[in-house]
């Protein structure tokens, strides 16, 4: 037997059930970190003495930051910084909606897949980038794709021991990158969820510490 609800009964049911739950906004702490990560982008050369002007140039010349158009570098302003794809300079959008950002139902950042605009030479990141990543405790996947480079020699910090949910770490293809030093021997004890590790094309030195053998890794 089929039951059809009409009129007041249906309205009452809709009021009791309510509208579908909206996606949770980004956790306030994680949102602050993502905005800071966005702002660690430096410049296409060593000429970015005026960061607002460099980003303003990107806004005024959108074709220079459009992967589909791929303009020649000389067709664009000399001082211009294209943001990470999907990461605008607008402070209001919810960071969980940014391209390459994955979040849990509770609004915690679980994935960062960063891809940069090709008209630039290797994009430069502040060495503060790695410290900021450590402040995303729910992070499970970190991928840095295409060419990027830190502004100074940078090591994986001890604070990454707090990334206990990290299962995939791909920080490779960084032309001219300066991720240096050895893999910290203390990290495996904390990164027990880690399954995939690729830190090739960096400037890491030494041999793989024995402690890393405790992890079942697909390494490169």
Foldseek 3Di string as FASTA:
>chain_A
DDDDDDDPVVVVVCVVVDDPDDQAFADPQQLVLVLVQQVQWAWLDPPPPDVVVQLVQCVVCVLLQDQVNLDALVVGDPRHDRTFQQDHNDSPDRVCPGPQWDADSNNQTATHATDGGPNGDAIEGELCNLVSVLSRLNYAYYAYDAEHAYPDQHENDPSVLSNQNHAYYHDDNHVVHRHEEADDLVNCVSNQNHAEEEPPPYHYDDDHDPSVVVHNYPYD
